[in-house]
Amino acid sequence: PPEAVKGFASLAIGPARFLDPDTSSKLLMLVATRLDLFT
C-alpha cells in the first residue's frame, strides 16, 4: 500500500524496512541500511 512506503528504507531487504524513518534515530537507520541483504 502507498502509505507503507515511507522512503527507500521501507523497500530494503533487511532490518531497515521494519523501522520508521520518521521516528527512528538516523544512526539506527544508517546501521540498518548497511545490513541490507544485497549489501
PDB file of all heavy atoms in Angstrom:
ATOM      1  N   PRO A   1       0.842  -1.200   0.000  1.00  0.00           N
ATOM      2  CA  PRO A   1       0.000   0.000   0.000  1.00  0.00           C
ATOM      3  C   PRO A   1       0.875   1.247   0.000  1.00  0.00           C
ATOM      4  O   PRO A   1       1.945   1.256   0.625  1.00  0.00           O
ATOM      5  CB  PRO A   1      -0.806  -0.126   1.295  1.00  0.00           C
ATOM      6  CG  PRO A   1      -0.020  -1.059   2.148  1.00  0.00           C
ATOM      7  CD  PRO A   1       0.692  -1.997   1.223  1.00  0.00           C
ATOM      8  N   PRO A   2       0.484   2.312  -0.699  1.00  0.00           N
ATOM      9  CA  PRO A   2       1.315   3.509  -0.797  1.00  0.00           C
ATOM     10  C   PRO A   2       1.728   4.077   0.560  1.00  0.00           C
ATOM     11  O   PRO A   2       2.856   4.562   0.729  1.00  0.00           O
ATOM     12  CB  PRO A   2       0.428   4.492  -1.561  1.00  0.00           C
ATOM     13  CG  PRO A   2      -0.499   3.634  -2.352  1.00  0.00           C
ATOM     14  CD  PRO A   2      -0.743   2.438  -1.506  1.00  0.00           C
ATOM     15  N   GLU A   3       0.827   3.986   1.556  1.00  0.00           N
ATOM     16  CA  GLU A   3       1.154   4.552   2.869  1.00  0.00           C
ATOM     17  C   GLU A   3       2.243   3.762   3.588  1.00  0.00           C
ATOM     18  O   GLU A   3       2.848   4.254   4.551  1.00  0.00           O
ATOM     19  CB  GLU A   3      -0.099   4.622   3.751  1.00  0.00           C
ATOM     20  CG  GLU A   3      -0.741   3.280   4.082  1.00  0.00           C
ATOM     21  CD  GLU A   3      -1.742   2.822   3.036  1.00  0.00           C
ATOM     22  OE1 GLU A   3      -1.774   3.423   1.930  1.00  0.00           O
ATOM     23  OE2 GLU A   3      -2.494   1.874   3.326  1.00  0.00           O
ATOM     24  N   ALA A   4       2.496   2.535   3.135  1.00  0.00           N
ATOM     25  CA  ALA A   4       3.552   1.723   3.762  1.00  0.00           C
ATOM     26  C   ALA A   4       4.933   2.077   3.234  1.00  0.00           C
ATOM     27  O   ALA A   4       5.944   1.699   3.830  1.00  0.00           O
ATOM     28  CB  ALA A   4       3.283   0.242   3.525  1.00  0.00           C
ATOM     29  N   VAL A   5       4.987   2.805   2.116  1.00  0.00           N
ATOM     30  CA  VAL A   5       6.268   3.189   1.525  1.00  0.00           C
ATOM     31  C   VAL A   5       6.655   4.555   2.085  1.00  0.00           C
ATOM     32  O   VAL A   5       6.245   5.594   1.579  1.00  0.00           O
ATOM     33  CB  VAL A   5       6.190   3.226  -0.015  1.00  0.00           C
ATOM     34  CG1 VAL A   5       7.560   3.577  -0.605  1.00  0.00           C
ATOM     35  CG2 VAL A   5       5.702   1.900  -0.560  1.00  0.00           C
ATOM     36  N   LYS A   6       7.443   4.543   3.146  1.00  0.00           N
ATOM     37  CA  LYS A   6       7.849   5.784   3.811  1.00  0.00           C
ATOM     38  C   LYS A   6       9.248   6.225   3.411  1.00  0.00           C
ATOM     39  O   LYS A   6       9.890   7.000   4.105  1.00  0.00           O
ATOM     40  CB  LYS A   6       7.777   5.593   5.331  1.00  0.00           C
ATOM     41  CG  LYS A   6       6.369   5.299   5.831  1.00  0.00           C
ATOM     42  CD  LYS A   6       6.334   5.188   7.345  1.00  0.00           C
ATOM     43  CE  LYS A   6       4.922   4.960   7.842  1.00  0.00           C
ATOM     44  NZ  LYS A   6       4.857   4.869   9.326  1.00  0.00           N
ATOM     45  N   GLY A   7       9.713   5.707   2.293  1.00  0.00           N
ATOM     46  CA  GLY A   7      11.050   6.016   1.809  1.00  0.00           C
ATOM     47  C   GLY A   7      11.698   4.750   1.303  1.00  0.00           C
ATOM     48  O   GLY A   7      11.097   3.669   1.304  1.00  0.00           O
ATOM     49  N   PHE A   8      12.936   4.873   0.863  1.00  0.00           N
ATOM     50  CA  PHE A   8      13.614   3.709   0.297  1.00  0.00           C
ATOM     51  C   PHE A   8      13.972   2.682   1.359  1.00  0.00           C
ATOM     52  O   PHE A   8      14.148   1.506   1.047  1.00  0.00           O
ATOM     53  CB  PHE A   8      14.852   4.164  -0.478  1.00  0.00           C
ATOM     54  CG  PHE A   8      14.511   4.810  -1.786  1.00  0.00           C
ATOM     55  CD1 PHE A   8      14.462   6.186  -1.905  1.00  0.00           C
ATOM     56  CD2 PHE A   8      14.199   4.044  -2.890  1.00  0.00           C
ATOM     57  CE1 PHE A   8      14.128   6.791  -3.101  1.00  0.00           C
ATOM     58  CE2 PHE A   8      13.857   4.632  -4.099  1.00  0.00           C
ATOM     59  CZ  PHE A   8      13.817   6.020  -4.205  1.00  0.00           C
ATOM     60  N   ALA A   9      14.064   3.112   2.612  1.00  0.00           N
ATOM     61  CA  ALA A   9      14.324   2.142   3.678  1.00  0.00           C
ATOM     62  C   ALA A   9      13.180   1.143   3.787  1.00  0.00           C
ATOM     63  O   ALA A   9      13.391  -0.019   4.131  1.00  0.00           O
ATOM     64  CB  ALA A   9      14.524   2.857   5.010  1.00  0.00           C
ATOM     65  N   SER A  10      11.957   1.573   3.469  1.00  0.00           N
ATOM     66  CA  SER A  10      10.799   0.674   3.526  1.00  0.00           C
ATOM     67  C   SER A  10      10.873  -0.420   2.477  1.00  0.00           C
ATOM     68  O   SER A  10      10.161  -1.419   2.572  1.00  0.00           O
ATOM     69  CB  SER A  10       9.501   1.471   3.331  1.00  0.00           C
ATOM     70  OG  SER A  10       9.366   2.482   4.316  1.00  0.00           O
ATOM     71  N   LEU A  11      11.720  -0.228   1.465  1.00  0.00           N
ATOM     72  CA  LEU A  11      11.852  -1.207   0.388  1.00  0.00           C
ATOM     73  C   LEU A  11      13.117  -2.041   0.530  1.00  0.00           C
ATOM     74  O   LEU A  11      13.414  -2.874  -0.329  1.00  0.00           O
ATOM     75  CB  LEU A  11      11.860  -0.488  -0.972  1.00  0.00           C
ATOM     76  CG  LEU A  11      10.656   0.425  -1.259  1.00  0.00           C
ATOM     77  CD1 LEU A  11      10.850   1.138  -2.589  1.00  0.00           C
ATOM     78  CD2 LEU A  11       9.363  -0.366  -1.252  1.00  0.00           C
ATOM     79  N   ALA A  12      13.866  -1.827   1.605  1.00  0.00           N
ATOM     80  CA  ALA A  12      15.105  -2.562   1.813  1.00  0.00           C
ATOM     81  C   ALA A  12      14.818  -4.017   2.132  1.00  0.00           C
ATOM     82  O   ALA A  12      13.789  -4.349   2.732  1.00  0.00           O
ATOM     83  CB  ALA A  12      15.906  -1.926   2.946  1.00  0.00           C
ATOM     84  N   ILE A  13      15.726  -4.898   1.715  1.00  0.00           N
ATOM     85  CA  ILE A  13      15.621  -6.319   2.081  1.00  0.00           C
ATOM     86  C   ILE A  13      16.544  -6.514   3.283  1.00  0.00           C
ATOM     87  O   ILE A  13      17.655  -7.037   3.183  1.00  0.00           O
ATOM     88  CB  ILE A  13      16.023  -7.232   0.913  1.00  0.00           C
ATOM     89  CG1 ILE A  13      15.273  -6.831  -0.360  1.00  0.00           C
ATOM     90  CG2 ILE A  13      15.745  -8.692   1.260  1.00  0.00           C
ATOM     91  CD1 ILE A  13      13.771  -6.928  -0.262  1.00  0.00           C
ATOM     92  N   GLY A  14      16.054  -6.063   4.420  1.00  0.00           N
ATOM     93  CA  GLY A  14      16.872  -6.083   5.627  1.00  0.00           C
ATOM     94  C   GLY A  14      16.140  -5.399   6.764  1.00  0.00           C
ATOM     95  O   GLY A  14      14.962  -5.019   6.631  1.00  0.00           O
ATOM     96  N   PRO A  15      16.811  -5.193   7.878  1.00  0.00           N
ATOM     97  CA  PRO A  15      16.137  -4.644   9.060  1.00  0.00           C
ATOM     98  C   PRO A  15      15.618  -3.226   8.878  1.00  0.00           C
ATOM     99  O   PRO A  15      14.703  -2.815   9.594  1.00  0.00           O
ATOM    100  CB  PRO A  15      17.227  -4.699  10.144  1.00  0.00           C
ATOM    101  CG  PRO A  15      18.514  -4.795   9.408  1.00  0.00           C
ATOM    102  CD  PRO A  15      18.212  -5.551   8.155  1.00  0.00           C
ATOM    103  N   ALA A  16      16.158  -2.463   7.934  1.00  0.00           N
ATOM    104  CA  ALA A  16      15.717  -1.071   7.758  1.00  0.00           C
ATOM    105  C   ALA A  16      14.240  -0.991   7.389  1.00  0.00           C
ATOM    106  O   ALA A  16      13.569  -0.014   7.731  1.00  0.00           O
ATOM    107  CB  ALA A  16      16.564  -0.387   6.686  1.00  0.00           C
ATOM    108  N   ARG A  17      13.699  -2.016   6.715  1.00  0.00           N
ATOM    109  CA  ARG A  17      12.303  -1.965   6.287  1.00  0.00           C
ATOM    110  C   ARG A  17      11.343  -2.022   7.478  1.00  0.00           C
ATOM    111  O   ARG A  17      10.166  -1.661   7.355  1.00  0.00           O
ATOM    112  CB  ARG A  17      11.995  -3.066   5.290  1.00  0.00           C
ATOM    113  CG  ARG A  17      11.905  -4.447   5.858  1.00  0.00           C
ATOM    114  CD  ARG A  17      11.635  -5.495   4.775  1.00  0.00           C
ATOM    115  NE  ARG A  17      10.341  -5.325   4.134  1.00  0.00           N
ATOM    116  CZ  ARG A  17      10.171  -5.061   2.848  1.00  0.00           C
ATOM    117  NH1 ARG A  17      11.220  -4.954   2.056  1.00  0.00           N
ATOM    118  NH2 ARG A  17       8.977  -4.913   2.342  1.00  0.00           N
ATOM    119  N   PHE A  18      11.821  -2.463   8.625  1.00  0.00           N
ATOM    120  CA  PHE A  18      10.958  -2.573   9.807  1.00  0.00           C
ATOM    121  C   PHE A  18      11.045  -1.338  10.711  1.00  0.00           C
ATOM    122  O   PHE A  18      10.414  -1.300  11.762  1.00  0.00           O
ATOM    123  CB  PHE A  18      11.330  -3.824  10.601  1.00  0.00           C
ATOM    124  CG  PHE A  18      11.247  -5.088   9.792  1.00  0.00           C
ATOM    125  CD1 PHE A  18      12.405  -5.755   9.404  1.00  0.00           C
ATOM    126  CD2 PHE A  18      10.022  -5.590   9.390  1.00  0.00           C
ATOM    127  CE1 PHE A  18      12.332  -6.918   8.657  1.00  0.00           C
ATOM    128  CE2 PHE A  18       9.947  -6.750   8.627  1.00  0.00           C
ATOM    129  CZ  PHE A  18      11.102  -7.416   8.260  1.00  0.00           C
ATOM    130  N   LEU A  19      11.837  -0.359  10.297  1.00  0.00           N
ATOM    131  CA  LEU A  19      11.995   0.861  11.088  1.00  0.00           C
ATOM    132  C   LEU A  19      11.221   2.002  10.441  1.00  0.00           C
ATOM    133  O   LEU A  19      11.105   2.073   9.214  1.00  0.00           O
ATOM    134  CB  LEU A  19      13.475   1.243  11.202  1.00  0.00           C
ATOM    135  CG  LEU A  19      14.398   0.204  11.863  1.00  0.00           C
ATOM    136  CD1 LEU A  19      15.848   0.683  11.808  1.00  0.00           C
ATOM    137  CD2 LEU A  19      13.975  -0.070  13.297  1.00  0.00           C
ATOM    138  N   ASP A  20      10.704   2.887  11.265  1.00  0.00           N
ATOM    139  CA  ASP A  20      10.014   4.077  10.766  1.00  0.00           C
ATOM    140  C   ASP A  20      11.043   5.202  10.642  1.00  0.00           C
ATOM    141  O   ASP A  20      11.566   5.681  11.654  1.00  0.00           O
ATOM    142  CB  ASP A  20       8.901   4.483  11.726  1.00  0.00           C
ATOM    143  CG  ASP A  20       8.039   5.605  11.167  1.00  0.00           C
ATOM    144  OD1 ASP A  20       8.515   6.341  10.289  1.00  0.00           O
ATOM    145  OD2 ASP A  20       6.891   5.754  11.630  1.00  0.00           O
ATOM    146  N   PRO A  21      11.357   5.646   9.420  1.00  0.00           N
ATOM    147  CA  PRO A  21      12.380   6.690   9.268  1.00  0.00           C
ATOM    148  C   PRO A  21      11.983   8.029   9.881  1.00  0.00           C
ATOM    149  O   PRO A  21      12.844   8.875  10.115  1.00  0.00           O
ATOM    150  CB  PRO A  21      12.540   6.801   7.748  1.00  0.00           C
ATOM    151  CG  PRO A  21      11.276   6.252   7.184  1.00  0.00           C
ATOM    152  CD  PRO A  21      10.823   5.190   8.136  1.00  0.00           C
ATOM    153  N   ASP A  22      10.690   8.214  10.160  1.00  0.00           N
ATOM    154  CA  ASP A  22      10.243   9.471  10.767  1.00  0.00           C
ATOM    155  C   ASP A  22      10.472   9.502  12.274  1.00  0.00           C
ATOM    156  O   ASP A  22      10.551  10.577  12.872  1.00  0.00           O
ATOM    157  CB  ASP A  22       8.760   9.700  10.472  1.00  0.00           C
ATOM    158  CG  ASP A  22       8.495   9.940   8.998  1.00  0.00           C
ATOM    159  OD1 ASP A  22       9.310  10.632   8.351  1.00  0.00           O
ATOM    160  OD2 ASP A  22       7.484   9.417   8.485  1.00  0.00           O
ATOM    161  N   THR A  23      10.572   8.321  12.897  1.00  0.00           N
ATOM    162  CA  THR A  23      10.715   8.281  14.352  1.00  0.00           C
ATOM    163  C   THR A  23      12.021   7.631  14.811  1.00  0.00           C
ATOM    164  O   THR A  23      12.460   7.863  15.928  1.00  0.00           O
ATOM    165  CB  THR A  23       9.533   7.517  14.977  1.00  0.00           C
ATOM    166  OG1 THR A  23       9.478   6.193  14.425  1.00  0.00           O
ATOM    167  CG2 THR A  23       8.212   8.229  14.680  1.00  0.00           C
ATOM    168  N   SER A  24      12.629   6.814  13.969  1.00  0.00           N
ATOM    169  CA  SER A  24      13.875   6.144  14.353  1.00  0.00           C
ATOM    170  C   SER A  24      15.052   7.108  14.246  1.00  0.00           C
ATOM    171  O   SER A  24      15.046   8.038  13.429  1.00  0.00           O
ATOM    172  CB  SER A  24      14.125   4.930  13.454  1.00  0.00           C
ATOM    173  OG  SER A  24      13.068   3.998  13.550  1.00  0.00           O
ATOM    174  N   SER A  25      16.065   6.871  15.058  1.00  0.00           N
ATOM    175  CA  SER A  25      17.248   7.715  15.004  1.00  0.00           C
ATOM    176  C   SER A  25      17.981   7.513  13.686  1.00  0.00           C
ATOM    177  O   SER A  25      17.953   6.426  13.094  1.00  0.00           O
ATOM    178  CB  SER A  25      18.189   7.401  16.175  1.00  0.00           C
ATOM    179  OG  SER A  25      18.832   6.153  15.982  1.00  0.00           O
ATOM    180  N   LYS A  26      18.649   8.557  13.241  1.00  0.00           N
ATOM    181  CA  LYS A  26      19.388   8.473  11.982  1.00  0.00           C
ATOM    182  C   LYS A  26      20.520   7.457  12.082  1.00  0.00           C
ATOM    183  O   LYS A  26      20.845   6.776  11.097  1.00  0.00           O
ATOM    184  CB  LYS A  26      19.934   9.846  11.604  1.00  0.00           C
ATOM    185  CG  LYS A  26      18.858  10.847  11.217  1.00  0.00           C
ATOM    186  CD  LYS A  26      19.473  12.169  10.805  1.00  0.00           C
ATOM    187  CE  LYS A  26      18.394  13.160  10.383  1.00  0.00           C
ATOM    188  NZ  LYS A  26      18.968  14.467   9.977  1.00  0.00           N
ATOM    189  N   LEU A  27      21.117   7.365  13.249  1.00  0.00           N
ATOM    190  CA  LEU A  27      22.203   6.412  13.432  1.00  0.00           C
ATOM    191  C   LEU A  27      21.696   4.978  13.285  1.00  0.00           C
ATOM    192  O   LEU A  27      22.323   4.150  12.614  1.00  0.00           O
ATOM    193  CB  LEU A  27      22.856   6.605  14.797  1.00  0.00           C
ATOM    194  CG  LEU A  27      24.017   5.661  15.134  1.00  0.00           C
ATOM    195  CD1 LEU A  27      25.118   5.799  14.100  1.00  0.00           C
ATOM    196  CD2 LEU A  27      24.539   5.943  16.529  1.00  0.00           C
ATOM    197  N   LEU A  28      20.545   4.702  13.888  1.00  0.00           N
ATOM    198  CA  LEU A  28      19.962   3.362  13.781  1.00  0.00           C
ATOM    199  C   LEU A  28      19.594   3.061  12.334  1.00  0.00           C
ATOM    200  O   LEU A  28      19.821   1.943  11.843  1.00  0.00           O
ATOM    201  CB  LEU A  28      18.732   3.255  14.681  1.00  0.00           C
ATOM    202  CG  LEU A  28      17.996   1.908  14.671  1.00  0.00           C
ATOM    203  CD1 LEU A  28      18.931   0.797  15.124  1.00  0.00           C
ATOM    204  CD2 LEU A  28      16.756   1.970  15.557  1.00  0.00           C
ATOM    205  N   MET A  29      19.035   4.035  11.637  1.00  0.00           N
ATOM    206  CA  MET A  29      18.676   3.851  10.236  1.00  0.00           C
ATOM    207  C   MET A  29      19.915   3.587   9.395  1.00  0.00           C
ATOM    208  O   MET A  29      19.901   2.746   8.486  1.00  0.00           O
ATOM    209  CB  MET A  29      17.931   5.076   9.699  1.00  0.00           C
ATOM    210  CG  MET A  29      16.541   5.287  10.283  1.00  0.00           C
ATOM    211  SD  MET A  29      15.401   3.924   9.929  1.00  0.00           S
ATOM    212  CE  MET A  29      15.429   3.896   8.133  1.00  0.00           C
ATOM    213  N   LEU A  30      20.998   4.281   9.702  1.00  0.00           N
ATOM    214  CA  LEU A  30      22.246   4.100   8.961  1.00  0.00           C
ATOM    215  C   LEU A  30      22.760   2.669   9.103  1.00  0.00           C
ATOM    216  O   LEU A  30      23.103   2.012   8.116  1.00  0.00           O
ATOM    217  CB  LEU A  30      23.293   5.099   9.458  1.00  0.00           C
ATOM    218  CG  LEU A  30      24.709   4.941   8.917  1.00  0.00           C
ATOM    219  CD1 LEU A  30      24.733   5.166   7.413  1.00  0.00           C
ATOM    220  CD2 LEU A  30      25.656   5.906   9.622  1.00  0.00           C
ATOM    221  N   VAL A  31      22.807   2.182  10.340  1.00  0.00           N
ATOM    222  CA  VAL A  31      23.298   0.821  10.588  1.00  0.00           C
ATOM    223  C   VAL A  31      22.387  -0.203   9.925  1.00  0.00           C
ATOM    224  O   VAL A  31      22.850  -1.155   9.277  1.00  0.00           O
ATOM    225  CB  VAL A  31      23.405   0.555  12.099  1.00  0.00           C
ATOM    226  CG1 VAL A  31      23.765  -0.908  12.362  1.00  0.00           C
ATOM    227  CG2 VAL A  31      24.439   1.484  12.733  1.00  0.00           C
ATOM    228  N   ALA A  32      21.072  -0.011  10.066  1.00  0.00           N
ATOM    229  CA  ALA A  32      20.119  -0.964   9.490  1.00  0.00           C
ATOM    230  C   ALA A  32      20.226  -1.000   7.970  1.00  0.00           C
ATOM    231  O   ALA A  32      20.109  -2.060   7.354  1.00  0.00           O
ATOM    232  CB  ALA A  32      18.701  -0.596   9.918  1.00  0.00           C
ATOM    233  N   THR A  33      20.454   0.147   7.357  1.00  0.00           N
ATOM    234  CA  THR A  33      20.587   0.211   5.903  1.00  0.00           C
ATOM    235  C   THR A  33      21.808  -0.556   5.422  1.00  0.00           C
ATOM    236  O   THR A  33      21.770  -1.232   4.390  1.00  0.00           O
ATOM    237  CB  THR A  33      20.672   1.677   5.441  1.00  0.00           C
ATOM    238  OG1 THR A  33      19.484   2.371   5.829  1.00  0.00           O
ATOM    239  CG2 THR A  33      20.816   1.761   3.927  1.00  0.00           C
ATOM    240  N   ARG A  34      22.899  -0.512   6.183  1.00  0.00           N
ATOM    241  CA  ARG A  34      24.113  -1.225   5.794  1.00  0.00           C
ATOM    242  C   ARG A  34      23.969  -2.735   5.960  1.00  0.00           C
ATOM    243  O   ARG A  34      24.794  -3.491   5.466  1.00  0.00           O
ATOM    244  CB  ARG A  34      25.316  -0.733   6.622  1.00  0.00           C
ATOM    245  CG  ARG A  34      25.725   0.703   6.361  1.00  0.00           C
ATOM    246  CD  ARG A  34      26.104   0.916   4.927  1.00  0.00           C
ATOM    247  NE  ARG A  34      27.271   0.135   4.517  1.00  0.00           N
ATOM    248  CZ  ARG A  34      27.603  -0.123   3.266  1.00  0.00           C
ATOM    249  NH1 ARG A  34      26.829   0.287   2.277  1.00  0.00           N
ATOM    250  NH2 ARG A  34      28.689  -0.821   2.980  1.00  0.00           N
ATOM    251  N   LEU A  35      22.922  -3.162   6.646  1.00  0.00           N
ATOM    252  CA  LEU A  35      22.668  -4.598   6.827  1.00  0.00           C
ATOM    253  C   LEU A  35      21.697  -5.146   5.789  1.00  0.00           C
ATOM    254  O   LEU A  35      21.156  -6.237   5.952  1.00  0.00           O
ATOM    255  CB  LEU A  35      22.134  -4.860   8.236  1.00  0.00           C
ATOM    256  CG  LEU A  35      23.127  -4.573   9.377  1.00  0.00           C
ATOM    257  CD1 LEU A  35      22.444  -4.735  10.724  1.00  0.00           C
ATOM    258  CD2 LEU A  35      24.350  -5.478   9.276  1.00  0.00           C
ATOM    259  N   ASP A  36      21.489  -4.400   4.725  1.00  0.00           N
ATOM    260  CA  ASP A  36      20.647  -4.863   3.628  1.00  0.00           C
ATOM    261  C   ASP A  36      21.228  -6.141   3.014  1.00  0.00           C
ATOM    262  O   ASP A  36      22.455  -6.311   2.932  1.00  0.00           O
ATOM    263  CB  ASP A  36      20.577  -3.765   2.556  1.00  0.00           C
ATOM    264  CG  ASP A  36      19.766  -4.193   1.344  1.00  0.00           C
ATOM    265  OD1 ASP A  36      18.540  -4.146   1.417  1.00  0.00           O
ATOM    266  OD2 ASP A  36      20.387  -4.582   0.335  1.00  0.00           O
ATOM    267  N   LEU A  37      20.359  -7.049   2.599  1.00  0.00           N
ATOM    268  CA  LEU A  37      20.789  -8.346   2.071  1.00  0.00           C
ATOM    269  C   LEU A  37      21.797  -8.198   0.942  1.00  0.00           C
ATOM    270  O   LEU A  37      22.830  -8.889   0.913  1.00  0.00           O
ATOM    271  CB  LEU A  37      19.567  -9.127   1.567  1.00  0.00           C
ATOM    272  CG  LEU A  37      19.874 -10.401   0.763  1.00  0.00           C
ATOM    273  CD1 LEU A  37      20.587 -11.435   1.620  1.00  0.00           C
ATOM    274  CD2 LEU A  37      18.593 -10.971   0.160  1.00  0.00           C
ATOM    275  N   PHE A  38      21.539  -7.300   0.002  1.00  0.00           N
ATOM    276  CA  PHE A  38      22.399  -7.196  -1.172  1.00  0.00           C
ATOM    277  C   PHE A  38      23.714  -6.498  -0.860  1.00  0.00           C
ATOM    278  O   PHE A  38      24.729  -6.753  -1.524  1.00  0.00           O
ATOM    279  CB  PHE A  38      21.642  -6.507  -2.311  1.00  0.00           C
ATOM    280  CG  PHE A  38      20.490  -7.337  -2.805  1.00  0.00           C
ATOM    281  CD1 PHE A  38      19.199  -7.093  -2.362  1.00  0.00           C
ATOM    282  CD2 PHE A  38      20.713  -8.398  -3.666  1.00  0.00           C
ATOM    283  CE1 PHE A  38      18.147  -7.881  -2.800  1.00  0.00           C
ATOM    284  CE2 PHE A  38      19.665  -9.194  -4.098  1.00  0.00           C
ATOM    285  CZ  PHE A  38      18.375  -8.936  -3.663  1.00  0.00           C
ATOM    286  N   THR A  39      23.725  -5.648   0.144  1.00  0.00           N
ATOM    287  CA  THR A  39      24.984  -5.070   0.597  1.00  0.00           C
ATOM    288  C   THR A  39      25.853  -6.139   1.244  1.00  0.00           C
ATOM    289  O   THR A  39      27.060  -6.228   0.982  1.00  0.00           O
ATOM    290  CB  THR A  39      24.722  -3.927   1.597  1.00  0.00           C
ATOM    291  OG1 THR A  39      23.946  -2.905   0.953  1.00  0.00           O
ATOM    292  CG2 THR A  39      26.029  -3.314   2.093  1.00  0.00           C
TER     293      THR A  39
END
